[in-house]
């Protein structure tokens, strides 16, 4: 393929099965991912991780820290600062309980996979360095699900800083995929005093990279990415600072993007509404074009 779009070998067969009505889609899991930004010498840079090639989902692809919602985030009242749960529910297009869970997933996964925590001891403060042994013990307990995020915040006397997040986009994994996610993409600025690290067992590399450079790497076929990743990267390119990008999130359309597959002239046409660059034509028995 001419670019770095992630396209699994089993997709053509599953796409045809869906188009023919012989494949029943699985329900997507709620998830969140965060484009973590900081300012470099030539504008904002974004933190990305490369998923291990052995991963069943998007192995070898570059992505952002993120993952699925922990069901306990629906059940416990989280220590909270910033816009209210009702505000987030309206912004994300869900009920208040789900809004809390999705925002919690964004903050928790950023801490689990990048070591960056968007929380503070008060509504107008944020923690500093989070790399000590005691922090690592709590992070490992969160990853193992031995500790809920609510318990973690209570133990440390912290409040989640929802105002440090901006909702950027929402993508739903195609119906023909065996692993499906309803994912909200957020943007955030690296808090002063904190630094990223590769804390994820799912990644073999992390980088800070200019969005334009990452997009160029994708276009050349040098960096592998899924459609939501490259689409959100292209959206950040226009901003001159990380603060500008965070502020720009307020105007972003959160209408869900879901791939469509249809049979046309003996081939399957795969498309993502509003994103023509990802359209693929899959001939019977052939590779996508």
C-alpha atoms as a PDB file:
ATOM      1  CA  UNK A   1       0.000   0.000   0.000  1.00  0.00           C
ATOM      2  CA  UNK A   2       1.206   3.510  -0.773  1.00  0.00           C
ATOM      3  CA  UNK A   3       0.772   4.894   2.737  1.00  0.00           C
ATOM      4  CA  UNK A   4       1.022   3.615   6.284  1.00  0.00           C
ATOM      5  CA  UNK A   5      -2.627   2.688   6.789  1.00  0.00           C
ATOM      6  CA  UNK A   6      -3.151  -0.331   9.016  1.00  0.00           C
ATOM      7  CA  UNK A   7      -5.148  -2.906   7.056  1.00  0.00           C
ATOM      8  CA  UNK A   8      -5.402  -6.456   8.489  1.00  0.00           C
ATOM      9  CA  UNK A   9      -5.245  -9.403   6.105  1.00  0.00           C
ATOM     10  CA  UNK A  10      -8.571 -10.755   7.344  1.00  0.00           C
ATOM     11  CA  UNK A  11     -10.523  -7.571   6.615  1.00  0.00           C
ATOM     12  CA  UNK A  12     -11.537  -8.316   2.987  1.00  0.00           C
ATOM     13  CA  UNK A  13     -13.178 -11.603   3.938  1.00  0.00           C
ATOM     14  CA  UNK A  14     -14.933 -10.086   6.944  1.00  0.00           C
ATOM     15  CA  UNK A  15     -16.047  -7.055   4.921  1.00  0.00           C
ATOM     16  CA  UNK A  16     -17.614  -9.299   2.290  1.00  0.00           C
ATOM     17  CA  UNK A  17     -19.320 -11.367   4.996  1.00  0.00           C
ATOM     18  CA  UNK A  18     -20.776  -8.216   6.557  1.00  0.00           C
ATOM     19  CA  UNK A  19     -21.956  -6.897   3.186  1.00  0.00           C
ATOM     20  CA  UNK A  20     -23.575 -10.262   2.429  1.00  0.00           C
ATOM     21  CA  UNK A  21     -25.301 -10.420   5.809  1.00  0.00           C
ATOM     22  CA  UNK A  22     -23.449 -13.456   7.151  1.00  0.00           C
ATOM     23  CA  UNK A  23     -21.425 -11.615   9.803  1.00  0.00           C
ATOM     24  CA  UNK A  24     -23.014 -10.361  13.021  1.00  0.00           C
ATOM     25  CA  UNK A  25     -21.167  -7.327  14.412  1.00  0.00           C
ATOM     26  CA  UNK A  26     -19.936  -7.466  18.001  1.00  0.00           C
ATOM     27  CA  UNK A  27     -20.862  -4.629  20.343  1.00  0.00           C
ATOM     28  CA  UNK A  28     -18.120  -1.996  20.707  1.00  0.00           C
ATOM     29  CA  UNK A  29     -16.511  -1.357  24.085  1.00  0.00           C
ATOM     30  CA  UNK A  30     -16.237   2.211  25.357  1.00  0.00           C
ATOM     31  CA  UNK A  31     -12.684   3.541  25.239  1.00  0.00           C
ATOM     32  CA  UNK A  32     -10.678   6.754  25.403  1.00  0.00           C
ATOM     33  CA  UNK A  33      -7.321   7.893  24.081  1.00  0.00           C
ATOM     34  CA  UNK A  34      -5.325  11.084  24.635  1.00  0.00           C
ATOM     35  CA  UNK A  35      -3.176  13.125  22.277  1.00  0.00           C
ATOM     36  CA  UNK A  36      -0.678  14.465  24.783  1.00  0.00           C
ATOM     37  CA  UNK A  37       1.024  17.641  23.545  1.00  0.00           C
ATOM     38  CA  UNK A  38       3.899  19.895  24.526  1.00  0.00           C
ATOM     39  CA  UNK A  39       5.578  22.778  22.756  1.00  0.00           C
ATOM     40  CA  UNK A  40       8.758  22.135  20.796  1.00  0.00           C
ATOM     41  CA  UNK A  41      11.066  24.518  18.952  1.00  0.00           C
ATOM     42  CA  UNK A  42       8.794  24.546  15.890  1.00  0.00           C
ATOM     43  CA  UNK A  43       5.368  24.237  17.449  1.00  0.00           C
ATOM     44  CA  UNK A  44       3.553  21.470  19.274  1.00  0.00           C
ATOM     45  CA  UNK A  45       4.781  17.885  19.382  1.00  0.00           C
ATOM     46  CA  UNK A  46       2.624  14.882  20.229  1.00  0.00           C
ATOM     47  CA  UNK A  47       3.458  11.828  22.309  1.00  0.00           C
ATOM     48  CA  UNK A  48       2.972   8.579  20.385  1.00  0.00           C
ATOM     49  CA  UNK A  49       3.672   4.950  21.147  1.00  0.00           C
ATOM     50  CA  UNK A  50       4.286   2.063  18.768  1.00  0.00           C
ATOM     51  CA  UNK A  51       2.248  -1.012  19.571  1.00  0.00           C
ATOM     52  CA  UNK A  52       4.242  -4.237  19.752  1.00  0.00           C
ATOM     53  CA  UNK A  53       4.092  -6.270  16.550  1.00  0.00           C
ATOM     54  CA  UNK A  54       2.806  -9.209  18.595  1.00  0.00           C
ATOM     55  CA  UNK A  55      -0.359  -7.343  19.619  1.00  0.00           C
ATOM     56  CA  UNK A  56      -3.539  -8.866  18.188  1.00  0.00           C
ATOM     57  CA  UNK A  57      -5.065  -5.430  17.563  1.00  0.00           C
ATOM     58  CA  UNK A  58      -3.083  -2.949  15.444  1.00  0.00           C
ATOM     59  CA  UNK A  59       0.289  -4.565  16.038  1.00  0.00           C
ATOM     60  CA  UNK A  60       3.144  -2.321  14.848  1.00  0.00           C
ATOM     61  CA  UNK A  61       0.908   0.722  14.501  1.00  0.00           C
ATOM     62  CA  UNK A  62       1.622   4.110  16.075  1.00  0.00           C
ATOM     63  CA  UNK A  63      -1.096   5.310  18.434  1.00  0.00           C
ATOM     64  CA  UNK A  64      -1.738   7.430  21.532  1.00  0.00           C
ATOM     65  CA  UNK A  65      -2.022   6.290  25.151  1.00  0.00           C
ATOM     66  CA  UNK A  66      -5.485   4.895  25.670  1.00  0.00           C
ATOM     67  CA  UNK A  67      -7.678   1.918  26.414  1.00  0.00           C
ATOM     68  CA  UNK A  68     -11.040   0.637  27.509  1.00  0.00           C
ATOM     69  CA  UNK A  69     -13.309   1.951  30.233  1.00  0.00           C
ATOM     70  CA  UNK A  70     -13.049   0.237  33.620  1.00  0.00           C
ATOM     71  CA  UNK A  71     -16.675  -0.629  34.587  1.00  0.00           C
ATOM     72  CA  UNK A  72     -15.923   0.527  38.142  1.00  0.00           C
ATOM     73  CA  UNK A  73     -15.660   4.070  36.817  1.00  0.00           C
ATOM     74  CA  UNK A  74     -19.415   3.903  36.222  1.00  0.00           C
ATOM     75  CA  UNK A  75     -20.084   2.869  39.788  1.00  0.00           C
ATOM     76  CA  UNK A  76     -17.957   5.118  42.002  1.00  0.00           C
ATOM     77  CA  UNK A  77     -18.204   8.863  42.450  1.00  0.00           C
ATOM     78  CA  UNK A  78     -14.829  10.178  41.302  1.00  0.00           C
ATOM     79  CA  UNK A  79     -13.117  13.145  42.974  1.00  0.00           C
ATOM     80  CA  UNK A  80     -13.671  15.708  40.230  1.00  0.00           C
ATOM     81  CA  UNK A  81     -12.676  19.209  39.130  1.00  0.00           C
ATOM     82  CA  UNK A  82     -13.430  21.192  36.002  1.00  0.00           C
ATOM     83  CA  UNK A  83     -16.599  21.096  33.882  1.00  0.00           C
ATOM     84  CA  UNK A  84     -19.391  19.129  35.516  1.00  0.00           C
ATOM     85  CA  UNK A  85     -20.404  15.609  34.596  1.00  0.00           C
ATOM     86  CA  UNK A  86     -23.556  17.074  33.043  1.00  0.00           C
ATOM     87  CA  UNK A  87     -21.421  19.332  30.836  1.00  0.00           C
ATOM     88  CA  UNK A  88     -19.278  16.403  29.742  1.00  0.00           C
ATOM     89  CA  UNK A  89     -22.368  14.291  29.094  1.00  0.00           C
ATOM     90  CA  UNK A  90     -23.650  16.921  26.664  1.00  0.00           C
ATOM     91  CA  UNK A  91     -20.220  17.268  25.037  1.00  0.00           C
ATOM     92  CA  UNK A  92     -19.632  13.537  24.609  1.00  0.00           C
ATOM     93  CA  UNK A  93     -23.217  12.663  23.686  1.00  0.00           C
ATOM     94  CA  UNK A  94     -23.747  10.198  26.540  1.00  0.00           C
ATOM     95  CA  UNK A  95     -25.350  10.088  29.989  1.00  0.00           C
ATOM     96  CA  UNK A  96     -23.559  11.499  33.030  1.00  0.00           C
ATOM     97  CA  UNK A  97     -22.430   8.117  34.334  1.00  0.00           C
ATOM     98  CA  UNK A  98     -20.864   7.210  31.005  1.00  0.00           C
ATOM     99  CA  UNK A  99     -19.309  10.664  30.712  1.00  0.00           C
ATOM    100  CA  UNK A 100     -17.536  10.179  34.030  1.00  0.00           C
ATOM    101  CA  UNK A 101     -16.333   6.729  32.958  1.00  0.00           C
ATOM    102  CA  UNK A 102     -14.986   7.932  29.590  1.00  0.00           C
ATOM    103  CA  UNK A 103     -13.161  10.933  31.088  1.00  0.00           C
ATOM    104  CA  UNK A 104     -11.757   8.703  33.823  1.00  0.00           C
ATOM    105  CA  UNK A 105     -10.537   6.246  31.200  1.00  0.00           C
ATOM    106  CA  UNK A 106      -8.734   9.057  29.383  1.00  0.00           C
ATOM    107  CA  UNK A 107      -6.929  10.214  32.530  1.00  0.00           C
ATOM    108  CA  UNK A 108      -6.263   6.728  33.918  1.00  0.00           C
ATOM    109  CA  UNK A 109      -4.912   5.302  30.657  1.00  0.00           C
ATOM    110  CA  UNK A 110      -2.609   8.291  30.165  1.00  0.00           C
ATOM    111  CA  UNK A 111      -1.157   7.603  33.592  1.00  0.00           C
ATOM    112  CA  UNK A 112      -0.950   3.847  33.049  1.00  0.00           C
ATOM    113  CA  UNK A 113       0.727   4.033  29.642  1.00  0.00           C
ATOM    114  CA  UNK A 114       2.679   7.296  29.733  1.00  0.00           C
ATOM    115  CA  UNK A 115       3.185   8.004  33.439  1.00  0.00           C
ATOM    116  CA  UNK A 116       1.415  11.375  33.130  1.00  0.00           C
ATOM    117  CA  UNK A 117      -1.350  12.193  35.586  1.00  0.00           C
ATOM    118  CA  UNK A 118      -3.971  14.878  34.941  1.00  0.00           C
ATOM    119  CA  UNK A 119      -4.941  15.287  38.581  1.00  0.00           C
ATOM    120  CA  UNK A 120      -3.979  17.461  41.517  1.00  0.00           C
ATOM    121  CA  UNK A 121      -4.495  17.991  45.252  1.00  0.00           C
ATOM    122  CA  UNK A 122      -6.892  20.848  44.525  1.00  0.00           C
ATOM    123  CA  UNK A 123      -9.116  21.967  41.636  1.00  0.00           C
ATOM    124  CA  UNK A 124      -6.480  24.470  40.460  1.00  0.00           C
ATOM    125  CA  UNK A 125      -3.284  22.437  40.908  1.00  0.00           C
ATOM    126  CA  UNK A 126      -1.652  19.407  39.299  1.00  0.00           C
ATOM    127  CA  UNK A 127       0.818  16.883  40.649  1.00  0.00           C
ATOM    128  CA  UNK A 128       4.489  17.161  39.715  1.00  0.00           C
ATOM    129  CA  UNK A 129       6.912  14.297  39.160  1.00  0.00           C
ATOM    130  CA  UNK A 130       5.184  10.883  39.296  1.00  0.00           C
ATOM    131  CA  UNK A 131       8.167   8.587  38.801  1.00  0.00           C
ATOM    132  CA  UNK A 132       8.894   7.442  42.382  1.00  0.00           C
ATOM    133  CA  UNK A 133       8.585   3.848  43.578  1.00  0.00           C
ATOM    134  CA  UNK A 134       5.352   4.577  45.444  1.00  0.00           C
ATOM    135  CA  UNK A 135       3.795   6.081  42.332  1.00  0.00           C
ATOM    136  CA  UNK A 136       4.922   3.083  40.296  1.00  0.00           C
ATOM    137  CA  UNK A 137       3.310   0.694  42.779  1.00  0.00           C
ATOM    138  CA  UNK A 138      -0.014   2.504  42.430  1.00  0.00           C
ATOM    139  CA  UNK A 139       0.306   2.627  38.645  1.00  0.00           C
ATOM    140  CA  UNK A 140       0.955  -1.129  38.510  1.00  0.00           C
ATOM    141  CA  UNK A 141      -2.075  -1.751  40.743  1.00  0.00           C
ATOM    142  CA  UNK A 142      -4.227   0.297  38.368  1.00  0.00           C
ATOM    143  CA  UNK A 143      -2.957  -1.671  35.362  1.00  0.00           C
ATOM    144  CA  UNK A 144      -3.686  -4.963  37.141  1.00  0.00           C
ATOM    145  CA  UNK A 145      -7.143  -3.626  38.095  1.00  0.00           C
ATOM    146  CA  UNK A 146      -6.325  -4.325  41.738  1.00  0.00           C
ATOM    147  CA  UNK A 147      -7.055  -0.653  42.386  1.00  0.00           C
ATOM    148  CA  UNK A 148      -9.874   1.405  40.922  1.00  0.00           C
ATOM    149  CA  UNK A 149      -9.214   4.949  39.768  1.00  0.00           C
ATOM    150  CA  UNK A 150     -11.582   6.302  42.415  1.00  0.00           C
ATOM    151  CA  UNK A 151      -9.645   4.431  45.119  1.00  0.00           C
ATOM    152  CA  UNK A 152      -6.361   5.702  43.712  1.00  0.00           C
ATOM    153  CA  UNK A 153      -7.514   9.334  43.826  1.00  0.00           C
ATOM    154  CA  UNK A 154      -8.953   8.935  47.333  1.00  0.00           C
ATOM    155  CA  UNK A 155      -5.769   7.294  48.625  1.00  0.00           C
ATOM    156  CA  UNK A 156      -3.651  10.189  47.373  1.00  0.00           C
ATOM    157  CA  UNK A 157      -6.103  12.978  48.114  1.00  0.00           C
ATOM    158  CA  UNK A 158      -6.286  13.986  44.451  1.00  0.00           C
ATOM    159  CA  UNK A 159      -9.031  15.308  42.199  1.00  0.00           C
ATOM    160  CA  UNK A 160      -9.333  14.503  38.499  1.00  0.00           C
ATOM    161  CA  UNK A 161      -8.712  17.663  36.422  1.00  0.00           C
ATOM    162  CA  UNK A 162     -11.285  17.279  33.655  1.00  0.00           C
ATOM    163  CA  UNK A 163     -10.558  20.878  32.595  1.00  0.00           C
ATOM    164  CA  UNK A 164      -7.125  19.749  31.362  1.00  0.00           C
ATOM    165  CA  UNK A 165      -8.812  17.658  28.658  1.00  0.00           C
ATOM    166  CA  UNK A 166     -10.422  18.724  25.395  1.00  0.00           C
ATOM    167  CA  UNK A 167     -12.695  16.330  23.510  1.00  0.00           C
ATOM    168  CA  UNK A 168     -11.410  16.080  19.929  1.00  0.00           C
ATOM    169  CA  UNK A 169     -13.155  13.290  18.006  1.00  0.00           C
ATOM    170  CA  UNK A 170     -15.117  10.070  18.295  1.00  0.00           C
ATOM    171  CA  UNK A 171     -14.449   7.006  16.159  1.00  0.00           C
ATOM    172  CA  UNK A 172     -16.162   3.623  16.287  1.00  0.00           C
ATOM    173  CA  UNK A 173     -14.303   0.526  15.103  1.00  0.00           C
ATOM    174  CA  UNK A 174     -15.868  -0.854  11.887  1.00  0.00           C
ATOM    175  CA  UNK A 175     -18.646  -3.390  12.290  1.00  0.00           C
ATOM    176  CA  UNK A 176     -16.626  -6.078  10.526  1.00  0.00           C
ATOM    177  CA  UNK A 177     -13.800  -5.989  13.095  1.00  0.00           C
ATOM    178  CA  UNK A 178     -13.640  -8.772  15.696  1.00  0.00           C
ATOM    179  CA  UNK A 179     -12.446  -6.295  18.348  1.00  0.00           C
ATOM    180  CA  UNK A 180     -14.528  -3.138  18.412  1.00  0.00           C
ATOM    181  CA  UNK A 181     -14.216   0.099  20.384  1.00  0.00           C
ATOM    182  CA  UNK A 182     -16.315   3.239  20.662  1.00  0.00           C
ATOM    183  CA  UNK A 183     -13.407   5.599  21.258  1.00  0.00           C
ATOM    184  CA  UNK A 184     -13.371   9.240  22.290  1.00  0.00           C
ATOM    185  CA  UNK A 185     -10.170  11.085  21.366  1.00  0.00           C
ATOM    186  CA  UNK A 186      -9.013  13.830  23.724  1.00  0.00           C
ATOM    187  CA  UNK A 187      -6.215  16.382  23.623  1.00  0.00           C
ATOM    188  CA  UNK A 188      -4.217  17.512  26.659  1.00  0.00           C
ATOM    189  CA  UNK A 189      -1.064  19.520  27.393  1.00  0.00           C
ATOM    190  CA  UNK A 190       1.767  17.867  29.340  1.00  0.00           C
ATOM    191  CA  UNK A 191       1.608  19.325  32.877  1.00  0.00           C
ATOM    192  CA  UNK A 192       4.628  21.287  34.051  1.00  0.00           C
ATOM    193  CA  UNK A 193       7.017  19.128  36.067  1.00  0.00           C
ATOM    194  CA  UNK A 194       5.833  15.827  34.585  1.00  0.00           C
ATOM    195  CA  UNK A 195       7.505  13.782  31.882  1.00  0.00           C
ATOM    196  CA  UNK A 196       6.421  10.882  29.745  1.00  0.00           C
ATOM    197  CA  UNK A 197       7.919   7.415  29.724  1.00  0.00           C
ATOM    198  CA  UNK A 198       7.070   4.115  28.092  1.00  0.00           C
ATOM    199  CA  UNK A 199       5.104   2.542  30.918  1.00  0.00           C
ATOM    200  CA  UNK A 200       3.011   0.312  28.666  1.00  0.00           C
ATOM    201  CA  UNK A 201       3.639  -3.389  28.165  1.00  0.00           C
ATOM    202  CA  UNK A 202       1.833  -3.008  24.830  1.00  0.00           C
ATOM    203  CA  UNK A 203       4.379  -0.612  23.294  1.00  0.00           C
ATOM    204  CA  UNK A 204       7.975  -1.147  22.222  1.00  0.00           C
ATOM    205  CA  UNK A 205       8.745   2.503  21.470  1.00  0.00           C
ATOM    206  CA  UNK A 206       7.533   6.006  22.299  1.00  0.00           C
ATOM    207  CA  UNK A 207       8.321   9.289  20.572  1.00  0.00           C
ATOM    208  CA  UNK A 208       7.590  13.002  20.752  1.00  0.00           C
ATOM    209  CA  UNK A 209       7.018  14.065  17.168  1.00  0.00           C
ATOM    210  CA  UNK A 210       5.640  17.040  15.248  1.00  0.00           C
ATOM    211  CA  UNK A 211       2.185  16.140  13.895  1.00  0.00           C
ATOM    212  CA  UNK A 212       3.262  17.236  10.395  1.00  0.00           C
ATOM    213  CA  UNK A 213       6.309  14.952  10.556  1.00  0.00           C
ATOM    214  CA  UNK A 214       4.228  12.015  11.758  1.00  0.00           C
ATOM    215  CA  UNK A 215       1.710  12.609   8.979  1.00  0.00           C
ATOM    216  CA  UNK A 216       4.537  12.781   6.433  1.00  0.00           C
ATOM    217  CA  UNK A 217       5.887   9.484   7.745  1.00  0.00           C
ATOM    218  CA  UNK A 218       2.467   7.930   7.291  1.00  0.00           C
ATOM    219  CA  UNK A 219       2.142   9.300   3.757  1.00  0.00           C
ATOM    220  CA  UNK A 220       5.519   7.781   2.840  1.00  0.00           C
ATOM    221  CA  UNK A 221       4.568   4.412   4.317  1.00  0.00           C
ATOM    222  CA  UNK A 222       7.205   4.731   7.047  1.00  0.00           C
ATOM    223  CA  UNK A 223       4.825   4.979  10.022  1.00  0.00           C
ATOM    224  CA  UNK A 224       1.899   2.578  10.326  1.00  0.00           C
ATOM    225  CA  UNK A 225      -1.340   4.060  11.701  1.00  0.00           C
ATOM    226  CA  UNK A 226      -5.042   3.368  11.896  1.00  0.00           C
ATOM    227  CA  UNK A 227      -7.397   5.863  10.187  1.00  0.00           C
ATOM    228  CA  UNK A 228      -8.448   7.624  13.424  1.00  0.00           C
ATOM    229  CA  UNK A 229      -4.831   8.231  14.383  1.00  0.00           C
ATOM    230  CA  UNK A 230      -3.729   9.858  11.149  1.00  0.00           C
ATOM    231  CA  UNK A 231      -7.005  11.782  10.860  1.00  0.00           C
ATOM    232  CA  UNK A 232      -6.586  13.332  14.313  1.00  0.00           C
ATOM    233  CA  UNK A 233      -2.915  14.059  13.618  1.00  0.00           C
ATOM    234  CA  UNK A 234      -3.830  16.022  10.507  1.00  0.00           C
ATOM    235  CA  UNK A 235      -6.226  18.078  12.611  1.00  0.00           C
ATOM    236  CA  UNK A 236      -3.472  19.181  14.993  1.00  0.00           C
ATOM    237  CA  UNK A 237      -1.045  20.306  12.273  1.00  0.00           C
ATOM    238  CA  UNK A 238      -2.663  23.731  11.899  1.00  0.00           C
ATOM    239  CA  UNK A 239      -2.042  24.822  15.508  1.00  0.00           C
ATOM    240  CA  UNK A 240       1.004  26.863  16.484  1.00  0.00           C
ATOM    241  CA  UNK A 241       1.041  25.840  20.141  1.00  0.00           C
ATOM    242  CA  UNK A 242      -0.249  23.064  22.352  1.00  0.00           C
ATOM    243  CA  UNK A 243      -2.431  25.560  24.236  1.00  0.00           C
ATOM    244  CA  UNK A 244      -4.014  26.646  20.947  1.00  0.00           C
ATOM    245  CA  UNK A 245      -4.803  23.019  20.097  1.00  0.00           C
ATOM    246  CA  UNK A 246      -6.394  22.459  23.509  1.00  0.00           C
ATOM    247  CA  UNK A 247      -8.508  25.582  23.088  1.00  0.00           C
ATOM    248  CA  UNK A 248      -9.462  24.501  19.572  1.00  0.00           C
ATOM    249  CA  UNK A 249     -10.966  21.267  20.878  1.00  0.00           C
ATOM    250  CA  UNK A 250     -14.107  23.132  21.924  1.00  0.00           C
ATOM    251  CA  UNK A 251     -15.106  23.618  18.285  1.00  0.00           C
ATOM    252  CA  UNK A 252     -14.468  20.028  17.206  1.00  0.00           C
ATOM    253  CA  UNK A 253     -17.337  17.915  15.872  1.00  0.00           C
ATOM    254  CA  UNK A 254     -17.850  14.774  17.960  1.00  0.00           C
ATOM    255  CA  UNK A 255     -20.258  13.052  15.588  1.00  0.00           C
ATOM    256  CA  UNK A 256     -19.183   9.375  15.564  1.00  0.00           C
ATOM    257  CA  UNK A 257     -17.164   8.230  12.553  1.00  0.00           C
ATOM    258  CA  UNK A 258     -18.030   4.661  11.545  1.00  0.00           C
ATOM    259  CA  UNK A 259     -16.681   2.892   8.471  1.00  0.00           C
ATOM    260  CA  UNK A 260     -19.159   1.755   5.829  1.00  0.00           C
ATOM    261  CA  UNK A 261     -18.755  -1.317   3.616  1.00  0.00           C
ATOM    262  CA  UNK A 262     -20.848  -1.968   0.511  1.00  0.00           C
ATOM    263  CA  UNK A 263     -20.796  -4.292  -2.497  1.00  0.00           C
ATOM    264  CA  UNK A 264     -20.357  -2.450  -5.794  1.00  0.00           C
ATOM    265  CA  UNK A 265     -19.547  -3.858  -9.243  1.00  0.00           C
ATOM    266  CA  UNK A 266     -18.151  -7.104  -7.887  1.00  0.00           C
ATOM    267  CA  UNK A 267     -15.973  -5.551  -5.214  1.00  0.00           C
ATOM    268  CA  UNK A 268     -16.320  -4.293  -1.678  1.00  0.00           C
ATOM    269  CA  UNK A 269     -15.957  -0.529  -1.171  1.00  0.00           C
ATOM    270  CA  UNK A 270     -14.779   0.436   2.293  1.00  0.00           C
ATOM    271  CA  UNK A 271     -15.118   4.086   3.304  1.00  0.00           C
ATOM    272  CA  UNK A 272     -15.083   6.357   6.344  1.00  0.00           C
ATOM    273  CA  UNK A 273     -17.666   9.174   5.959  1.00  0.00           C
ATOM    274  CA  UNK A 274     -15.940  12.541   5.767  1.00  0.00           C
ATOM    275  CA  UNK A 275     -12.512  10.983   5.259  1.00  0.00           C
ATOM    276  CA  UNK A 276     -12.133  10.130   1.592  1.00  0.00           C
ATOM    277  CA  UNK A 277      -8.407   9.364   1.873  1.00  0.00           C
ATOM    278  CA  UNK A 278      -9.193   6.069   3.608  1.00  0.00           C
ATOM    279  CA  UNK A 279     -11.558   4.692   0.941  1.00  0.00           C
ATOM    280  CA  UNK A 280     -10.499   1.225  -0.219  1.00  0.00           C
ATOM    281  CA  UNK A 281     -11.739  -1.012  -3.028  1.00  0.00           C
ATOM    282  CA  UNK A 282     -11.468  -4.701  -2.218  1.00  0.00           C
ATOM    283  CA  UNK A 283     -11.862  -7.026  -5.228  1.00  0.00           C
ATOM    284  CA  UNK A 284     -13.046 -10.559  -4.617  1.00  0.00           C
ATOM    285  CA  UNK A 285     -10.040 -12.587  -3.538  1.00  0.00           C
ATOM    286  CA  UNK A 286      -7.702  -9.620  -3.961  1.00  0.00           C
ATOM    287  CA  UNK A 287      -5.857  -7.033  -1.923  1.00  0.00           C
ATOM    288  CA  UNK A 288      -7.266  -3.557  -1.185  1.00  0.00           C
ATOM    289  CA  UNK A 289      -6.547  -0.802  -3.677  1.00  0.00           C
END
